[in-house]
Amino acid sequence: MSFVEKVLPGARLFDAGRWFDAHEAWEEHWLAETDGTKRRLLQGLIQIAAALHKLHVVQSPLPAASLFAKGLAKLDACP
């Protein structure tokens, strides 16, 4: 399975506003991924999805902001 095929199901869930489900879909691949750059990308996506879940569902803006910042930093570090 290509990396895009691993990321796409989570991206569709994310776009549908199903952030927790996107987080779960990506986490499965993050746990198995051995390439450091791909792991960082997946972790950044996971953290952003978790941040949106915390903001919109749990309504915890401060933890959401912290996760969002961590996720963006990981994505910024990717080529």
Protein backbone atom coordinates (compact mmCIF):
# COMPACT_ATOMS: atom_id res chain seq x y z
CA MET A 1 0.00 0.00 0.00
CA SER A 2 1.41 3.39 -0.98
CA PHE A 3 1.75 6.21 1.53
CA VAL A 4 -1.00 8.16 -0.25
CA GLU A 5 -3.31 5.15 0.08
CA LYS A 6 -2.56 5.11 3.81
CA VAL A 7 -3.29 8.82 4.27
CA LEU A 8 -6.32 9.24 2.01
CA PRO A 9 -9.00 7.51 4.15
CA GLY A 10 -8.07 9.70 7.13
CA ALA A 11 -8.07 12.79 4.90
CA ARG A 12 -11.61 12.02 3.77
CA LEU A 13 -12.75 11.62 7.37
CA PHE A 14 -10.97 14.85 8.31
CA ASP A 15 -12.64 16.76 5.47
CA ALA A 16 -16.02 15.43 6.62
CA GLY A 17 -15.41 16.88 10.10
CA ARG A 18 -14.88 13.43 11.63
CA TRP A 19 -11.65 14.45 13.32
CA PHE A 20 -11.55 11.69 15.94
CA ASP A 21 -12.07 9.03 13.26
CA ALA A 22 -9.37 10.63 11.09
CA HIS A 23 -7.03 10.58 14.08
CA GLU A 24 -7.70 6.87 14.56
CA ALA A 25 -7.23 6.07 10.86
CA TRP A 26 -3.87 7.84 10.74
CA GLU A 27 -2.69 6.49 14.09
CA GLU A 28 -2.89 2.92 12.83
CA HIS A 29 -0.39 3.75 10.07
CA TRP A 30 1.74 5.99 12.30
CA LEU A 31 2.31 3.09 14.70
CA ALA A 32 3.52 0.84 11.86
CA GLU A 33 5.50 3.44 9.87
CA THR A 34 9.29 3.16 10.02
CA ASP A 35 10.28 6.16 7.88
CA GLY A 36 10.97 9.13 10.17
CA THR A 37 9.64 11.80 7.81
CA LYS A 38 6.41 9.91 7.14
CA ARG A 39 5.96 9.27 10.86
CA ARG A 40 6.41 12.99 11.57
CA LEU A 41 3.85 13.89 8.87
CA LEU A 42 1.33 11.39 10.23
CA GLN A 43 1.90 12.57 13.79
CA GLY A 44 1.34 16.17 12.73
CA LEU A 45 -1.92 15.23 11.02
CA ILE A 46 -2.99 13.24 14.07
CA GLN A 47 -2.29 16.18 16.38
CA ILE A 48 -4.21 18.62 14.20
CA ALA A 49 -7.18 16.26 13.99
CA ALA A 50 -7.09 15.82 17.77
CA ALA A 51 -6.90 19.60 18.21
CA LEU A 52 -10.01 20.15 16.10
CA HIS A 53 -11.83 17.41 18.02
CA LYS A 54 -10.88 19.05 21.33
CA LEU A 55 -11.93 22.47 20.07
CA HIS A 56 -15.26 21.61 18.45
CA VAL A 57 -16.44 18.50 20.31
CA VAL A 58 -14.84 18.65 23.75
CA GLN A 59 -14.78 22.47 23.72
CA SER A 60 -11.34 22.72 25.30
CA PRO A 61 -9.66 25.61 23.47
CA LEU A 62 -6.37 25.74 25.40
CA PRO A 63 -5.44 22.06 24.94
CA ALA A 64 -6.62 22.36 21.34
CA ALA A 65 -4.33 25.33 20.71
CA SER A 66 -1.37 23.45 22.18
CA LEU A 67 -2.00 20.37 20.01
CA PHE A 68 -2.57 22.51 16.93
CA ALA A 69 0.78 24.27 17.44
CA LYS A 70 2.61 20.95 17.91
CA GLY A 71 0.96 19.50 14.82
CA LEU A 72 1.81 22.49 12.66
CA ALA A 73 5.42 22.40 13.84
CA LYS A 74 5.68 18.77 12.76
CA LEU A 75 4.14 19.51 9.35
CA ASP A 76 6.45 22.51 8.91
CA ALA A 77 9.42 20.22 9.50
CA CYS A 78 8.40 17.95 6.61
CA PRO A 79 9.87 18.47 3.14
